Amino acid sequence: MNEPMQPKKKDFASYAINSAKRNNDFLKKRDLAAYVLMFLWIYGLATVIFKYGFLYIFPFIPLALIFLNFSGIPQIIYILRTHRLFPIAHICITCLIQFVFFIGLCLILKWLKMEELVPYFVIGGLLMGLTTPQKSLVEERKDQIGSS
């Protein structure tokens, strides 16, 4: 008579939605950054192939790797988001150097006759810079301070 209540059988969609509501971390910023980067790569490759041809993929890939991750606009945003952890001189020098790198990217794209991709790198750099979690930027800076 006193049987424990059995949960109702649910389909997968209901389970996923309830799990997402329960965890309240359905789309973390770290995941968002990964999705943004994946979308940018697909969009960029498709644009290059259809506008410029298949051979232009070879200069596009290293340029996208460098200027959407390690240099240019994302680095400017990273340092501005963690400005409290850097001296003002370091912030000014870093922003100036990264801006020069971005001007170099514009010149390279102009030389390759791909200057129509400058907005792609601007928007992509902004998205990558803004979707990178603040926590990871702060931890990286604290590691740099601790190791020196």
Protein backbone atom coordinates (compact mmCIF):
# COMPACT_ATOMS: atom_id res chain seq x y z
CA MET A 1 0.00 0.00 0.00
CA ASN A 2 2.76 2.48 0.85
CA GLU A 3 4.67 2.35 -2.40
CA PRO A 4 7.14 5.12 -3.15
CA MET A 5 5.99 7.47 -5.84
CA GLN A 6 7.56 6.67 -9.18
CA PRO A 7 8.48 9.57 -11.43
CA LYS A 8 6.53 9.87 -14.61
CA LYS A 9 8.29 8.76 -17.73
CA LYS A 10 9.41 11.78 -19.67
CA ASP A 11 10.66 12.24 -23.14
CA PHE A 12 14.21 13.46 -23.75
CA ALA A 13 13.21 17.06 -24.55
CA SER A 14 11.38 17.49 -21.24
CA TYR A 15 14.29 15.99 -19.38
CA ALA A 16 16.77 18.34 -21.09
CA ILE A 17 14.64 21.43 -20.42
CA ASN A 18 14.11 20.54 -16.76
CA SER A 19 17.79 19.75 -16.34
CA ALA A 20 18.73 23.09 -17.86
CA LYS A 21 16.32 24.95 -15.57
CA ARG A 22 17.60 23.06 -12.56
CA ASN A 23 21.26 23.74 -13.26
CA ASN A 24 20.65 27.28 -14.49
CA ASP A 25 23.90 27.03 -16.47
CA PHE A 26 22.41 26.03 -19.81
CA LEU A 27 24.66 28.27 -21.83
CA LYS A 28 27.80 29.26 -19.97
CA LYS A 29 29.99 32.05 -21.24
CA ARG A 30 32.80 29.58 -21.89
CA ASP A 31 30.48 27.58 -24.14
CA LEU A 32 29.24 30.76 -25.78
CA ALA A 33 32.80 31.73 -26.68
CA ALA A 34 33.34 28.31 -28.25
CA TYR A 35 30.13 28.58 -30.29
CA VAL A 36 31.01 32.11 -31.38
CA LEU A 37 34.45 31.00 -32.52
CA MET A 38 33.01 28.02 -34.39
CA PHE A 39 30.45 30.23 -36.14
CA LEU A 40 33.12 32.78 -37.04
CA TRP A 41 35.33 30.11 -38.58
CA ILE A 42 32.51 28.64 -40.65
CA TYR A 43 31.32 32.07 -41.80
CA GLY A 44 34.85 33.23 -42.59
CA LEU A 45 35.79 30.11 -44.54
CA ALA A 46 32.55 30.22 -46.52
CA THR A 47 33.01 33.91 -47.29
CA VAL A 48 36.58 33.42 -48.44
CA ILE A 49 35.74 30.41 -50.62
CA PHE A 50 32.73 32.01 -52.31
CA LYS A 51 34.14 35.54 -52.73
CA TYR A 52 37.81 34.95 -53.39
CA GLY A 53 38.29 31.30 -54.27
CA PHE A 54 39.70 28.22 -52.59
CA LEU A 55 43.36 29.31 -52.68
CA TYR A 56 42.66 32.31 -50.47
CA ILE A 57 41.94 29.94 -47.58
CA PHE A 58 45.69 29.48 -47.10
CA PRO A 59 46.40 33.09 -46.07
CA PHE A 60 43.02 33.42 -44.31
CA ILE A 61 43.55 30.58 -41.82
CA PRO A 62 46.74 31.92 -40.19
CA LEU A 63 45.40 35.48 -40.23
CA ALA A 64 42.20 34.38 -38.50
CA LEU A 65 44.11 32.30 -35.96
CA ILE A 66 46.38 35.18 -35.08
CA PHE A 67 43.97 38.11 -35.19
CA LEU A 68 40.87 36.46 -33.71
CA ASN A 69 42.72 34.92 -30.76
CA PHE A 70 46.17 36.23 -30.00
CA SER A 71 46.53 39.74 -31.35
CA GLY A 72 44.67 42.86 -32.36
CA ILE A 73 41.20 43.75 -31.14
CA PRO A 74 40.66 40.81 -28.72
CA GLN A 75 43.85 41.71 -26.83
CA ILE A 76 42.79 45.35 -26.56
CA ILE A 77 39.45 44.26 -25.10
CA TYR A 78 41.13 41.76 -22.74
CA ILE A 79 43.42 44.39 -21.25
CA LEU A 80 40.61 46.94 -20.97
CA ARG A 81 38.40 44.39 -19.20
CA THR A 82 41.16 43.70 -16.65
CA HIS A 83 42.48 47.26 -16.42
CA ARG A 84 42.58 47.23 -12.62
CA LEU A 85 45.29 44.56 -12.67
CA PHE A 86 47.73 46.51 -14.88
CA PRO A 87 49.66 49.75 -14.46
CA ILE A 88 48.39 52.56 -16.71
CA ALA A 89 51.64 52.64 -18.71
CA HIS A 90 51.29 48.93 -19.49
CA ILE A 91 47.71 49.45 -20.66
CA CYS A 92 48.67 52.32 -22.98
CA ILE A 93 51.66 50.51 -24.47
CA THR A 94 49.71 47.28 -25.00
CA CYS A 95 46.76 49.05 -26.63
CA LEU A 96 49.10 51.00 -28.92
CA ILE A 97 51.02 47.88 -29.97
CA GLN A 98 47.85 45.88 -30.58
CA PHE A 99 46.41 48.74 -32.63
CA VAL A 100 49.57 48.74 -34.76
CA PHE A 101 49.12 44.98 -35.23
CA PHE A 102 45.54 45.59 -36.38
CA ILE A 103 46.74 48.22 -38.87
CA GLY A 104 49.22 45.58 -40.09
CA LEU A 105 46.32 43.17 -40.59
CA CYS A 106 44.48 45.81 -42.63
CA LEU A 107 47.55 46.32 -44.80
CA ILE A 108 47.99 42.57 -45.32
CA LEU A 109 44.32 42.24 -46.31
CA LYS A 110 44.68 45.18 -48.70
CA TRP A 111 47.78 43.61 -50.24
CA LEU A 112 45.88 40.33 -50.72
CA LYS A 113 42.90 42.27 -52.16
CA MET A 114 40.72 40.93 -49.35
CA GLU A 115 39.99 44.28 -47.67
CA GLU A 116 36.29 43.41 -47.55
CA LEU A 117 37.18 41.07 -44.66
CA VAL A 118 38.21 43.92 -42.33
CA PRO A 119 34.69 44.14 -40.81
CA TYR A 120 34.81 40.37 -40.28
CA PHE A 121 37.98 40.73 -38.21
CA VAL A 122 36.59 43.74 -36.32
CA ILE A 123 33.31 42.03 -35.43
CA GLY A 124 35.03 38.72 -34.77
CA GLY A 125 37.60 40.39 -32.54
CA LEU A 126 34.90 42.22 -30.62
CA LEU A 127 32.86 39.05 -30.14
CA MET A 128 35.85 37.01 -29.04
CA GLY A 129 37.03 39.73 -26.70
CA LEU A 130 33.63 40.19 -25.10
CA THR A 131 32.67 36.50 -24.81
CA THR A 132 35.87 35.40 -23.09
CA PRO A 133 35.02 34.87 -19.41
CA GLN A 134 36.28 37.58 -17.08
CA LYS A 135 37.31 34.95 -14.55
CA SER A 136 39.78 33.31 -16.91
CA LEU A 137 41.32 36.69 -17.82
CA VAL A 138 41.80 37.56 -14.15
CA GLU A 139 43.25 34.12 -13.35
CA GLU A 140 45.69 34.41 -16.25
CA ARG A 141 46.88 37.81 -15.02
CA LYS A 142 47.25 36.56 -11.44
CA ASP A 143 49.33 33.64 -12.73
CA GLN A 144 51.56 36.12 -14.59
CA ILE A 145 51.97 38.19 -11.43
CA GLY A 146 52.67 35.10 -9.31
CA SER A 147 55.30 33.72 -11.68
CA SER A 148 57.30 36.95 -11.86
